[in-house]
Amino acid sequence: MSWKMEARHAGLNKYRVVTGRTRREAEEKAAALLATWDDIWQRQLEREEKAAERERRQAERDEIRAAQERRSTDAARDTERLRNIVNKMGTALRDALATDPTLDWEALKDRSPFRVTKPLKPSVLPVPPEPQAEDKKYRPDRGLFGKMFSSRYERHLKQGADLFEKEHGEWERQASTISQENEREAKAYEGRLNEWMKEKEAFEASQAKQHEEIDILRDQYSKFAKTAVTRYCQTVLERSQYPVSFTRQVALEYNDQNKILLVEYELPNLDDMPLLSEVKYIRSSDELKEIPLPESRRRDMYDSFVYQLSLRTIRELYAADRVGALDSIVFNGWVTYKDKATGKDAHPCILSLQVSKTEFSDVDLSQVDPKTCFKALKGVGAAKLHGLSPVPPIMAMSRQDDRFVASYEVVDGLGEQDNLAAMDWEDFEHLVREVFEAEFMVNGGEVKVTRASRDRGVDAIAFDPDPIRGGKIAIQAKRYTNTVGVEAVRDLYGTVINEGATKGILVTTSDYGPDAYDFAKGKPLILLNGSNLLHLLEEHGHRAKIDLAEARRILAEREGNV
């Protein structure tokens, strides 16, 4: 007799029948076999665990490597972006030459479609068919059986009529409900449709008004209207894109008499320049390292960019002027920054340039060095713009009404409505001398007036004690109602030379022509127009007005009465 034992191993999915001469022998053989299988299973589990561990570690390494590659790619992309910005800043002027800044009047018109979806007409809920009394459902077929049992037929007929009355009543209620719902939906749709139509009409009316305004602006621009020329030029500059973002504010003032456009431009400051040259990924420490731009390079970049910006602005304005509204442009660049000496905000003008269209058209901007070109055009600016050293603007923006009309208090015999442009010429010269006397005496200077005369000679000599910017200054006054020509400026320059003066100041109640500003460039001459004079008077407590049209009428009447 032999004993049999079953051996099973679920992990290995093995099964065997073990035999022995005795039960003990069979059990021992089965146990030995199971131990062998368990050992095989354990080694298999260990191999699988090691394989899983290798896969896990490989996955971790792959994930780390992928993360490193991503960070390395990000660093390369950031570096490329930084280098692109730096390169674009160096070519901001040249890159703009390929673009036409002229405004397309038709393109300015809003032609976008009305995007509000038209309300969908609601679907009408169907009314179920009306039950008919003649339907077989309500009128049983009499037939032979009905004739034989008439009472039963009559009962069925009564039941059919009752059913018809019930179901027809239900149909009427349902039909009424559906009709009311359809009516409510129709009214609601009509309201939505009317509202949509009103919105669409308002949208189209707004578009039509905008188109009309652009057409009017185009017509006024062609006629050199101040507001239209200013808005056109403002739009041209707003559309100009630069590689760096900065708070860009531009104020414009257009003089339609001499076709001079004054541009007051808020420039970027050094903080707006890129801080980094590249971003490196350090694999050993798994970190991004930012490499700063050398401070000297940032400063050089700033100077170059500002020079380019000034020339590019002038180029865009002249290139966009297809009607001949601009004969001359004055660009004043201002910077707002925190003065480290005082802790307060400072706002100096750091460069100023006046150039006529004719002079500017002779310059090939694709070949110039921006700074050299700016200086050759007699631009005024410090040797290092990043130092933010202030310079006097070639022309200051009017702080008064562009018609030179304002109400002021009376001092020294001037009435509130007295017009400086209509004053007696001798009184005007005396007033100018008094104002400059107050101006220079504030800093310890001295003003000695000359004999008043109508020969338009020197009206005053000022002595400024400042050791750097001071010296002898010749002052002339011109009470004019028309534009002052270049001859008066040439006369002043000759006077400065003859007097041995360090500077000459010409002040008028009107304004100067482009040729006058052209001649004064690069020379120790300051031209103050009527707007500047009013501001100077106000600074010293005097109030007055300048109305050139009124002055022409008054002076004509005086000459007619002589």
Protein backbone atom coordinates (compact mmCIF):
# COMPACT_ATOMS: atom_id res chain seq x y z
CA MET A 1 0.00 0.00 0.00
CA SER A 2 1.28 3.49 -0.85
CA TRP A 3 0.25 6.93 0.38
CA LYS A 4 -0.53 9.88 -1.89
CA MET A 5 -0.28 13.57 -1.01
CA GLU A 6 -1.23 16.55 -3.17
CA ALA A 7 1.19 19.48 -3.37
CA ARG A 8 -0.05 22.84 -4.68
CA HIS A 9 1.73 26.20 -5.09
CA ALA A 10 -0.53 29.11 -6.09
CA GLY A 11 2.33 31.52 -6.89
CA LEU A 12 4.04 29.16 -9.34
CA ASN A 13 0.70 27.64 -10.34
CA LYS A 14 2.13 24.14 -9.82
CA TYR A 15 0.42 20.92 -8.76
CA ARG A 16 1.78 17.43 -8.16
CA VAL A 17 0.73 14.18 -6.48
CA VAL A 18 3.48 12.78 -4.26
CA THR A 19 3.50 9.09 -3.23
CA GLY A 20 5.22 7.29 -0.33
CA ARG A 21 5.26 3.94 1.22
CA THR A 22 4.03 5.47 4.40
CA ARG A 23 2.01 8.48 5.20
CA ARG A 24 4.95 10.12 6.87
CA GLU A 25 7.12 9.53 3.81
CA ALA A 26 4.47 11.05 1.55
CA GLU A 27 4.09 14.08 3.80
CA GLU A 28 7.85 14.60 3.96
CA LYS A 29 8.16 14.37 0.18
CA ALA A 30 5.29 16.85 -0.25
CA ALA A 31 6.80 19.21 2.29
CA ALA A 32 10.21 19.01 0.60
CA LEU A 33 8.63 19.68 -2.76
CA LEU A 34 6.70 22.66 -1.38
CA ALA A 35 9.91 23.98 0.23
CA THR A 36 11.66 23.73 -3.13
CA TRP A 37 8.80 25.50 -4.82
CA ASP A 38 8.75 28.20 -2.13
CA ASP A 39 12.48 28.76 -2.62
CA ILE A 40 11.97 29.05 -6.37
CA TRP A 41 9.04 31.42 -5.76
CA GLN A 42 11.02 33.54 -3.32
CA ARG A 43 13.94 33.85 -5.75
CA GLN A 44 11.47 34.78 -8.50
CA LEU A 45 9.90 37.42 -6.25
CA GLU A 46 13.33 38.81 -5.42
CA ARG A 47 14.22 38.97 -9.12
CA GLU A 48 10.95 40.73 -9.90
CA GLU A 49 11.44 43.13 -7.01
CA LYS A 50 14.97 43.93 -8.14
CA ALA A 51 13.72 44.42 -11.69
CA ALA A 52 10.95 46.71 -10.41
CA GLU A 53 13.50 48.61 -8.32
CA ARG A 54 15.75 48.99 -11.35
CA GLU A 55 12.78 50.25 -13.37
CA ARG A 56 11.78 52.65 -10.58
CA ARG A 57 15.30 54.03 -10.30
CA GLN A 58 15.55 54.29 -14.07
CA ALA A 59 12.23 56.12 -14.14
CA GLU A 60 13.50 58.49 -11.45
CA ARG A 61 16.69 59.07 -13.41
CA ASP A 62 14.66 59.61 -16.57
CA GLU A 63 12.38 62.04 -14.74
CA ILE A 64 15.36 63.92 -13.30
CA ARG A 65 17.01 63.99 -16.71
CA ALA A 66 13.80 65.23 -18.31
CA ALA A 67 13.42 67.92 -15.66
CA GLN A 68 17.03 68.95 -16.22
CA GLU A 69 16.44 69.10 -19.95
CA ARG A 70 13.35 71.22 -19.39
CA ARG A 71 15.21 73.63 -17.13
CA SER A 72 18.12 73.70 -19.54
CA THR A 73 15.69 74.42 -22.39
CA ASP A 74 13.97 77.11 -20.32
CA ALA A 75 17.33 78.70 -19.57
CA ALA A 76 18.28 78.64 -23.25
CA ARG A 77 14.92 80.12 -24.20
CA ASP A 78 15.23 82.89 -21.60
CA THR A 79 18.75 83.62 -22.75
CA GLU A 80 17.60 83.78 -26.37
CA ARG A 81 14.77 86.13 -25.38
CA LEU A 82 17.15 88.39 -23.42
CA ARG A 83 19.67 88.48 -26.25
CA ASN A 84 16.91 89.21 -28.73
CA ILE A 85 15.73 92.16 -26.62
CA VAL A 86 19.27 93.50 -26.30
CA ASN A 87 19.86 93.10 -30.04
CA LYS A 88 16.53 94.72 -30.89
CA MET A 89 17.34 97.67 -28.66
CA GLY A 90 20.55 98.15 -30.57
CA THR A 91 18.67 98.19 -33.88
CA ALA A 92 15.47 99.97 -32.78
CA LEU A 93 16.07 102.79 -35.26
CA ARG A 94 17.15 100.69 -38.23
CA ASP A 95 14.38 98.13 -37.76
CA ALA A 96 11.72 100.85 -37.90
CA LEU A 97 12.94 102.14 -41.26
CA ALA A 98 11.31 99.22 -43.07
CA THR A 99 7.86 100.16 -41.75
CA ASP A 100 5.51 102.78 -43.13
CA PRO A 101 4.01 104.71 -40.18
CA THR A 102 1.44 106.48 -42.36
CA LEU A 103 -2.04 105.96 -41.02
CA ASP A 104 -4.55 104.23 -43.25
CA TRP A 105 -7.67 106.24 -42.52
CA GLU A 106 -9.96 103.48 -43.75
CA ALA A 107 -8.17 100.89 -41.63
CA LEU A 108 -8.81 103.05 -38.57
CA LYS A 109 -12.53 102.63 -39.07
CA ASP A 110 -14.14 99.98 -36.93
CA ARG A 111 -15.69 97.48 -39.32
CA SER A 112 -16.08 94.60 -36.88
CA PRO A 113 -19.36 92.73 -37.21
CA PHE A 114 -22.06 92.82 -34.58
CA ARG A 115 -21.19 89.69 -32.64
CA VAL A 116 -24.29 89.29 -30.49
CA THR A 117 -26.13 86.21 -31.77
CA LYS A 118 -29.60 86.81 -33.08
CA PRO A 119 -32.21 85.17 -30.85
CA LEU A 120 -33.45 81.85 -32.18
CA LYS A 121 -37.11 81.65 -32.98
CA PRO A 122 -38.69 79.20 -30.53
CA SER A 123 -40.22 76.02 -31.89
CA VAL A 124 -43.99 75.86 -31.66
CA LEU A 125 -45.26 73.12 -29.39
CA PRO A 126 -47.70 70.98 -31.44
CA VAL A 127 -51.30 70.62 -30.29
CA PRO A 128 -52.38 66.98 -30.32
CA PRO A 129 -55.21 66.05 -32.70
CA GLU A 130 -58.63 66.95 -31.44
CA PRO A 131 -60.77 63.94 -30.53
CA GLN A 132 -63.75 63.46 -32.87
CA ALA A 133 -67.09 62.20 -31.66
CA GLU A 134 -67.42 60.09 -34.80
CA ASP A 135 -64.28 58.10 -34.00
CA LYS A 136 -64.95 54.37 -33.56
CA LYS A 137 -63.40 54.67 -30.13
CA TYR A 138 -66.47 56.58 -28.99
CA ARG A 139 -69.15 55.01 -31.27
CA PRO A 140 -69.27 51.22 -31.06
CA ASP A 141 -70.30 49.31 -34.15
CA ARG A 142 -73.85 48.14 -33.63
CA GLY A 143 -73.71 45.14 -35.88
CA LEU A 144 -75.89 42.06 -35.43
CA PHE A 145 -75.03 41.67 -31.79
CA GLY A 146 -76.05 45.26 -31.06
CA LYS A 147 -79.32 44.78 -32.81
CA MET A 148 -80.00 41.70 -30.76
CA PHE A 149 -79.15 43.37 -27.48
CA SER A 150 -80.16 46.98 -27.96
CA SER A 151 -79.98 47.87 -24.28
CA ARG A 152 -76.36 46.76 -24.07
CA TYR A 153 -75.59 48.70 -27.23
CA GLU A 154 -77.18 51.83 -25.79
CA ARG A 155 -75.06 51.41 -22.66
CA HIS A 156 -71.89 51.11 -24.74
CA LEU A 157 -72.97 54.11 -26.75
CA LYS A 158 -73.43 56.09 -23.52
CA GLN A 159 -70.02 55.00 -22.28
CA GLY A 160 -68.44 56.12 -25.57
CA ALA A 161 -70.08 59.52 -25.33
CA ASP A 162 -68.93 59.91 -21.75
CA LEU A 163 -65.37 58.93 -22.75
CA PHE A 164 -65.43 61.36 -25.63
CA GLU A 165 -66.63 64.18 -23.36
CA LYS A 166 -63.88 63.40 -20.83
CA GLU A 167 -61.06 63.11 -23.33
CA HIS A 168 -62.23 66.09 -25.34
CA GLY A 169 -62.27 68.16 -22.15
CA GLU A 170 -58.73 67.01 -21.37
CA TRP A 171 -57.73 67.86 -24.94
CA GLU A 172 -59.22 71.36 -24.62
CA ARG A 173 -57.30 71.98 -21.39
CA GLN A 174 -54.08 70.64 -22.92
CA ALA A 175 -54.60 72.62 -26.13
CA SER A 176 -55.23 75.77 -24.12
CA THR A 177 -52.08 75.23 -22.05
CA ILE A 178 -49.97 74.61 -25.15
CA SER A 179 -51.43 77.65 -26.92
CA GLN A 180 -50.73 79.87 -23.92
CA GLU A 181 -47.17 78.53 -23.69
CA ASN A 182 -46.63 79.15 -27.42
CA GLU A 183 -48.03 82.65 -27.02
CA ARG A 184 -45.75 83.38 -24.05
CA GLU A 185 -42.71 82.09 -25.97
CA ALA A 186 -43.68 84.14 -29.03
CA LYS A 187 -43.98 87.33 -26.94
CA ALA A 188 -40.71 86.60 -25.15
CA TYR A 189 -39.01 86.00 -28.49
CA GLU A 190 -40.44 89.22 -29.86
CA GLY A 191 -39.03 91.09 -26.86
CA ARG A 192 -35.60 89.46 -27.25
CA LEU A 193 -35.63 90.18 -30.97
CA ASN A 194 -36.56 93.84 -30.43
CA GLU A 195 -33.81 94.19 -27.83
CA TRP A 196 -31.31 92.57 -30.20
CA MET A 197 -32.39 94.87 -33.02
CA LYS A 198 -31.93 97.91 -30.76
CA GLU A 199 -28.44 96.75 -29.74
CA LYS A 200 -27.54 96.10 -33.38
CA GLU A 201 -28.83 99.51 -34.47
CA ALA A 202 -26.92 101.21 -31.62
CA PHE A 203 -23.77 99.31 -32.59
CA GLU A 204 -24.09 100.27 -36.24
CA ALA A 205 -24.88 103.88 -35.31
CA SER A 206 -21.76 103.98 -33.12
CA GLN A 207 -19.69 102.59 -35.98
CA ALA A 208 -21.18 105.12 -38.40
CA LYS A 209 -20.38 107.93 -35.98
CA GLN A 210 -16.82 106.68 -35.60
CA HIS A 211 -16.45 106.53 -39.40
CA GLU A 212 -17.80 110.06 -39.68
CA GLU A 213 -15.40 111.32 -37.00
CA ILE A 214 -12.46 109.76 -38.85
CA ASP A 215 -13.58 111.34 -42.12
CA ILE A 216 -13.86 114.74 -40.40
CA LEU A 217 -10.46 114.24 -38.77
CA ARG A 218 -8.94 113.35 -42.15
CA ASP A 219 -10.43 116.47 -43.72
CA GLN A 220 -9.26 118.68 -40.85
CA TYR A 221 -5.82 117.10 -40.93
CA SER A 222 -5.48 117.95 -44.62
CA LYS A 223 -6.26 121.55 -43.67
CA PHE A 224 -3.59 121.56 -40.91
CA ALA A 225 -6.10 122.01 -38.09
CA LYS A 226 -4.21 121.92 -34.79
CA THR A 227 -6.34 119.32 -33.06
CA ALA A 228 -6.42 117.04 -36.09
CA VAL A 229 -2.66 117.21 -36.71
CA THR A 230 -1.99 116.57 -33.03
CA ARG A 231 -4.33 113.56 -32.92
CA TYR A 232 -2.88 112.14 -36.12
CA CYS A 233 0.68 112.42 -34.85
CA GLN A 234 -0.32 111.05 -31.44
CA THR A 235 -1.82 107.98 -33.10
CA VAL A 236 1.30 107.46 -35.22
CA LEU A 237 3.49 107.41 -32.11
CA GLU A 238 1.10 105.20 -30.14
CA ARG A 239 1.31 102.52 -32.84
CA SER A 240 5.11 102.42 -32.68
CA GLN A 241 6.31 99.21 -30.99
CA TYR A 242 9.56 98.94 -29.01
CA PRO A 243 11.47 95.87 -27.75
CA VAL A 244 11.13 96.96 -24.11
CA SER A 245 8.05 98.16 -22.30
CA PHE A 246 8.12 101.45 -20.48
CA THR A 247 5.58 104.03 -19.40
CA ARG A 248 5.24 105.90 -22.65
CA GLN A 249 3.59 109.29 -22.44
CA VAL A 250 3.75 111.80 -25.25
CA ALA A 251 2.41 115.35 -25.25
CA LEU A 252 2.21 117.21 -28.55
CA GLU A 253 1.72 120.86 -29.44
CA TYR A 254 1.30 121.97 -33.04
CA ASN A 255 1.70 125.52 -34.28
CA ASP A 256 -0.24 125.91 -37.52
CA GLN A 257 1.37 129.27 -38.24
CA ASN A 258 4.92 128.00 -38.63
CA LYS A 259 4.12 124.26 -38.94
CA ILE A 260 6.29 123.33 -35.96
CA LEU A 261 5.38 120.28 -33.91
CA LEU A 262 6.67 120.18 -30.34
CA VAL A 263 7.03 116.66 -28.92
CA GLU A 264 7.36 116.22 -25.17
CA TYR A 265 8.34 112.56 -24.75
CA GLU A 266 8.49 110.62 -21.47
CA LEU A 267 11.61 108.49 -21.94
CA PRO A 268 12.43 105.21 -20.20
CA ASN A 269 14.90 105.39 -17.35
CA LEU A 270 17.81 103.11 -16.63
CA ASP A 271 15.61 100.75 -14.59
CA ASP A 272 13.66 99.91 -17.76
CA MET A 273 16.76 98.46 -19.38
CA PRO A 274 17.31 94.65 -19.29
CA LEU A 275 19.10 93.49 -16.13
CA LEU A 276 20.34 90.11 -17.38
CA SER A 277 22.51 89.00 -20.25
CA GLU A 278 21.75 85.30 -19.99
CA VAL A 279 20.38 82.51 -17.80
CA LYS A 280 22.56 79.44 -17.27
CA TYR A 281 21.49 76.04 -16.01
CA ILE A 282 24.01 74.51 -13.59
CA ARG A 283 23.45 70.76 -13.87
CA SER A 284 25.62 69.83 -10.89
CA SER A 285 23.54 71.91 -8.49
CA ASP A 286 20.31 71.77 -10.49
CA GLU A 287 19.80 75.53 -10.35
CA LEU A 288 19.35 78.45 -12.72
CA LYS A 289 22.01 81.11 -12.52
CA GLU A 290 21.17 84.60 -13.77
CA ILE A 291 24.09 86.42 -15.36
CA PRO A 292 23.63 90.20 -15.01
CA LEU A 293 24.44 92.64 -17.75
CA PRO A 294 27.51 94.67 -16.84
CA GLU A 295 26.42 98.06 -15.56
CA SER A 296 28.63 99.81 -18.09
CA ARG A 297 26.91 97.95 -20.91
CA ARG A 298 23.45 98.80 -19.56
CA ARG A 299 24.40 102.47 -19.49
CA ASP A 300 25.77 102.40 -23.02
CA MET A 301 22.63 100.55 -24.12
CA TYR A 302 20.45 103.18 -22.48
CA ASP A 303 22.25 106.07 -24.16
CA SER A 304 22.11 104.40 -27.57
CA PHE A 305 18.43 103.49 -27.19
CA VAL A 306 17.40 107.02 -26.18
CA TYR A 307 19.28 108.56 -29.11
CA GLN A 308 17.62 106.04 -31.43
CA LEU A 309 14.22 106.74 -29.90
CA SER A 310 14.51 110.48 -30.51
CA LEU A 311 15.57 110.04 -34.15
CA ARG A 312 13.02 107.29 -34.74
CA THR A 313 10.19 109.42 -33.35
CA ILE A 314 11.07 112.28 -35.67
CA ARG A 315 11.43 109.92 -38.61
CA GLU A 316 8.02 108.34 -37.98
CA LEU A 317 6.32 111.72 -37.75
CA TYR A 318 7.89 113.05 -40.94
CA ALA A 319 7.34 109.77 -42.83
CA ALA A 320 3.68 109.73 -41.81
CA ASP A 321 3.14 113.37 -42.84
CA ARG A 322 1.79 112.99 -46.37
CA VAL A 323 0.03 116.38 -46.50
CA GLY A 324 2.97 118.62 -45.59
CA ALA A 325 1.67 119.64 -42.17
CA LEU A 326 5.13 119.53 -40.57
CA ASP A 327 8.01 121.77 -41.51
CA SER A 328 9.94 121.36 -38.27
CA ILE A 329 9.88 119.12 -35.21
CA VAL A 330 11.21 119.80 -31.73
CA PHE A 331 11.79 116.70 -29.61
CA ASN A 332 12.23 117.09 -25.85
CA GLY A 333 13.01 113.90 -23.93
CA TRP A 334 12.06 113.84 -20.23
CA VAL A 335 12.82 111.24 -17.58
CA THR A 336 11.15 110.61 -14.23
CA TYR A 337 13.36 109.00 -11.60
CA LYS A 338 13.98 108.93 -7.87
CA ASP A 339 16.75 111.35 -6.96
CA LYS A 340 19.01 109.45 -4.56
CA ALA A 341 20.30 112.71 -3.09
CA THR A 342 16.88 114.00 -2.04
CA GLY A 343 14.72 110.90 -2.13
CA LYS A 344 12.19 112.82 -4.22
CA ASP A 345 10.98 112.34 -7.77
CA ALA A 346 12.94 114.30 -10.36
CA HIS A 347 11.80 115.05 -13.89
CA PRO A 348 14.56 116.61 -16.00
CA CYS A 349 14.74 117.11 -19.74
CA ILE A 350 17.89 115.18 -20.73
CA LEU A 351 17.98 115.84 -24.47
CA SER A 352 16.41 118.22 -26.95
CA LEU A 353 16.53 118.34 -30.74
CA GLN A 354 14.99 120.61 -33.33
CA VAL A 355 15.26 119.66 -36.98
CA SER A 356 13.47 120.71 -40.14
CA LYS A 357 12.00 118.24 -42.59
CA THR A 358 14.44 119.34 -45.29
CA GLU A 359 17.45 118.88 -43.03
CA PHE A 360 16.23 115.54 -41.75
CA SER A 361 15.50 114.19 -45.23
CA ASP A 362 19.19 114.52 -46.08
CA VAL A 363 20.12 111.99 -43.39
CA ASP A 364 20.43 108.27 -44.24
CA LEU A 365 19.29 106.79 -40.96
CA SER A 366 20.23 103.26 -42.03
CA GLN A 367 23.91 104.21 -41.98
CA VAL A 368 24.26 106.64 -39.09
CA ASP A 369 25.55 106.27 -35.57
CA PRO A 370 22.58 107.55 -33.52
CA LYS A 371 24.58 109.68 -31.09
CA THR A 372 26.80 111.15 -33.80
CA CYS A 373 23.75 111.93 -35.94
CA PHE A 374 21.94 113.54 -33.00
CA LYS A 375 24.93 115.78 -32.26
CA ALA A 376 25.40 116.63 -35.94
CA LEU A 377 21.81 117.86 -36.04
CA LYS A 378 22.73 120.25 -33.20
CA GLY A 379 20.83 118.23 -30.61
CA VAL A 380 21.35 119.21 -27.00
CA GLY A 381 22.17 116.53 -24.46
CA ALA A 382 24.68 115.58 -21.81
CA ALA A 383 27.74 113.59 -22.82
CA LYS A 384 26.28 110.62 -20.91
CA LEU A 385 22.51 110.50 -20.99
CA HIS A 386 22.33 107.87 -18.25
CA GLY A 387 23.68 110.50 -15.88
CA LEU A 388 20.27 112.23 -16.30
CA SER A 389 21.85 115.68 -16.34
CA PRO A 390 19.19 118.27 -17.20
CA VAL A 391 19.45 120.42 -20.31
CA PRO A 392 17.29 123.38 -21.33
CA PRO A 393 14.69 122.42 -23.97
CA ILE A 394 15.17 124.12 -27.31
CA MET A 395 11.50 125.02 -27.19
CA ALA A 396 9.25 124.71 -24.15
CA MET A 397 5.66 123.56 -24.38
CA SER A 398 3.04 126.21 -23.91
CA ARG A 399 1.49 126.22 -20.47
CA GLN A 400 -1.26 128.46 -21.64
CA ASP A 401 -4.15 128.33 -24.05
CA ASP A 402 -2.77 127.79 -27.53
CA ARG A 403 -4.45 131.05 -28.56
CA PHE A 404 -2.36 132.85 -25.94
CA VAL A 405 -5.49 134.20 -24.26
CA ALA A 406 -5.91 134.15 -20.47
CA SER A 407 -7.10 136.37 -17.64
CA TYR A 408 -4.51 137.69 -15.19
CA GLU A 409 -4.24 140.01 -12.18
CA VAL A 410 -2.95 143.54 -12.67
CA VAL A 411 0.51 144.78 -11.56
CA ASP A 412 2.46 147.89 -12.38
CA GLY A 413 -0.39 149.54 -14.23
CA LEU A 414 -1.40 146.59 -16.39
CA GLY A 415 -5.14 145.98 -16.60
CA GLU A 416 -6.58 142.50 -16.35
CA GLN A 417 -7.58 142.47 -20.01
CA ASP A 418 -4.55 144.33 -21.34
CA ASN A 419 -3.01 142.54 -24.30
CA LEU A 420 0.81 142.41 -24.29
CA ALA A 421 0.87 142.13 -28.07
CA ALA A 422 -1.03 145.43 -28.33
CA MET A 423 1.11 147.36 -25.81
CA ASP A 424 3.08 150.40 -26.76
CA TRP A 425 6.44 149.10 -28.02
CA GLU A 426 8.39 151.08 -25.44
CA ASP A 427 6.17 149.91 -22.59
CA PHE A 428 6.64 146.34 -23.74
CA GLU A 429 10.45 146.62 -23.79
CA HIS A 430 10.35 148.13 -20.32
CA LEU A 431 8.16 145.28 -19.08
CA VAL A 432 10.54 142.69 -20.52
CA ARG A 433 13.51 144.37 -18.87
CA GLU A 434 11.68 144.38 -15.53
CA VAL A 435 10.86 140.71 -15.77
CA PHE A 436 14.44 139.72 -16.52
CA GLU A 437 15.68 142.00 -13.80
CA ALA A 438 13.55 140.01 -11.33
CA GLU A 439 14.71 136.75 -12.90
CA PHE A 440 18.45 137.38 -12.61
CA MET A 441 18.39 139.21 -9.30
CA VAL A 442 17.07 136.05 -7.61
CA ASN A 443 20.54 134.50 -7.96
CA GLY A 444 22.45 137.67 -7.18
CA GLY A 445 22.66 138.83 -10.76
CA GLU A 446 22.39 142.35 -12.02
CA VAL A 447 20.47 143.82 -14.95
CA LYS A 448 21.36 147.14 -16.49
CA VAL A 449 18.80 148.46 -18.90
CA THR A 450 19.74 150.34 -22.01
CA ARG A 451 18.03 153.33 -23.48
CA ALA A 452 14.69 152.42 -24.91
CA SER A 453 14.48 153.04 -28.63
CA ARG A 454 12.67 151.81 -31.70
CA ASP A 455 15.88 150.77 -33.43
CA ARG A 456 15.45 147.25 -32.07
CA GLY A 457 18.93 147.28 -30.51
CA VAL A 458 19.90 145.80 -27.16
CA ASP A 459 17.12 146.35 -24.63
CA ALA A 460 18.98 145.08 -21.57
CA ILE A 461 22.28 143.62 -20.45
CA ALA A 462 22.20 141.03 -17.66
CA PHE A 463 25.17 139.90 -15.61
CA ASP A 464 24.83 136.40 -14.17
CA PRO A 465 27.43 135.68 -11.43
CA ASP A 466 27.28 131.90 -11.85
CA PRO A 467 30.92 130.83 -12.53
CA ILE A 468 29.88 128.07 -14.98
CA ARG A 469 26.81 129.19 -16.89
CA GLY A 470 26.85 132.86 -16.08
CA GLY A 471 28.38 135.91 -17.73
CA LYS A 472 27.11 138.80 -19.82
CA ILE A 473 23.74 138.23 -21.47
CA ALA A 474 22.18 140.40 -24.18
CA ILE A 475 18.38 140.68 -24.16
CA GLN A 476 16.13 141.86 -26.97
CA ALA A 477 12.35 142.26 -26.99
CA LYS A 478 10.08 142.02 -30.04
CA ARG A 479 6.45 143.01 -29.66
CA TYR A 480 5.25 141.26 -32.81
CA THR A 481 1.91 139.98 -34.02
CA ASN A 482 3.46 137.99 -36.87
CA THR A 483 6.04 135.21 -36.89
CA VAL A 484 9.57 136.39 -36.13
CA GLY A 485 11.90 135.58 -39.01
CA VAL A 486 15.50 134.49 -39.07
CA GLU A 487 16.74 138.07 -39.61
CA ALA A 488 15.93 139.05 -36.04
CA VAL A 489 17.79 136.01 -34.73
CA ARG A 490 20.81 136.83 -36.91
CA ASP A 491 20.74 140.38 -35.56
CA LEU A 492 20.73 139.09 -32.00
CA TYR A 493 23.67 136.78 -32.74
CA GLY A 494 25.60 139.71 -34.17
CA THR A 495 24.77 141.72 -31.07
CA VAL A 496 26.03 138.92 -28.80
CA ILE A 497 29.33 138.92 -30.69
CA ASN A 498 29.64 142.70 -30.70
CA GLU A 499 28.84 142.95 -27.01
CA GLY A 500 31.18 140.11 -26.10
CA ALA A 501 28.23 138.44 -24.39
CA THR A 502 28.12 134.75 -23.47
CA LYS A 503 24.48 134.39 -24.42
CA GLY A 504 21.61 136.15 -26.15
CA ILE A 505 17.91 136.06 -25.31
CA LEU A 506 15.22 137.06 -27.78
CA VAL A 507 11.69 137.35 -26.44
CA THR A 508 8.57 138.05 -28.48
CA THR A 509 4.82 138.10 -28.09
CA SER A 510 4.38 135.87 -31.17
CA ASP A 511 6.48 132.89 -32.27
CA TYR A 512 9.44 131.99 -34.48
CA GLY A 513 9.64 130.34 -37.87
CA PRO A 514 11.52 127.08 -38.50
CA ASP A 515 14.40 128.96 -40.08
CA ALA A 516 14.80 131.00 -36.89
CA TYR A 517 15.04 127.86 -34.76
CA ASP A 518 17.40 126.31 -37.32
CA PHE A 519 19.74 129.27 -37.12
CA ALA A 520 19.72 129.29 -33.31
CA LYS A 521 20.72 125.64 -33.05
CA GLY A 522 24.21 125.18 -31.67
CA LYS A 523 24.53 128.88 -30.87
CA PRO A 524 24.36 130.58 -27.46
CA LEU A 525 20.87 131.87 -28.20
CA ILE A 526 17.57 131.37 -26.38
CA LEU A 527 14.31 132.05 -28.19
CA LEU A 528 11.30 132.71 -25.97
CA ASN A 529 7.90 132.96 -27.62
CA GLY A 530 4.73 134.52 -26.29
CA SER A 531 3.79 131.41 -24.34
CA ASN A 532 7.18 131.34 -22.63
CA LEU A 533 6.87 135.03 -21.79
CA LEU A 534 3.48 134.57 -20.15
CA HIS A 535 4.85 131.74 -18.04
CA LEU A 536 7.87 133.81 -17.04
CA LEU A 537 5.63 136.71 -16.05
CA GLU A 538 3.47 134.40 -13.96
CA GLU A 539 6.51 133.01 -12.15
CA HIS A 540 7.28 136.54 -10.95
CA GLY A 541 3.76 137.41 -9.92
CA HIS A 542 2.65 139.19 -13.06
CA ARG A 543 -0.51 138.42 -15.00
CA ALA A 544 -1.28 139.27 -18.58
CA LYS A 545 -2.66 137.92 -21.80
CA ILE A 546 -1.55 137.65 -25.42
CA ASP A 547 -4.17 137.67 -28.16
CA LEU A 548 -2.50 138.18 -31.54
CA ALA A 549 -5.72 138.56 -33.54
CA GLU A 550 -7.02 141.21 -31.14
CA ALA A 551 -3.65 142.96 -31.18
CA ARG A 552 -3.69 143.17 -34.98
CA ARG A 553 -7.10 144.88 -34.89
CA ILE A 554 -6.05 147.32 -32.15
CA LEU A 555 -2.77 148.25 -33.85
CA ALA A 556 -4.53 148.70 -37.20
CA GLU A 557 -7.04 151.05 -35.57
CA ARG A 558 -4.23 153.04 -33.95
CA GLU A 559 -2.41 153.44 -37.25
CA GLY A 560 -5.66 154.47 -38.89
CA ASN A 561 -6.20 157.20 -36.28
CA VAL A 562 -2.70 158.63 -36.59
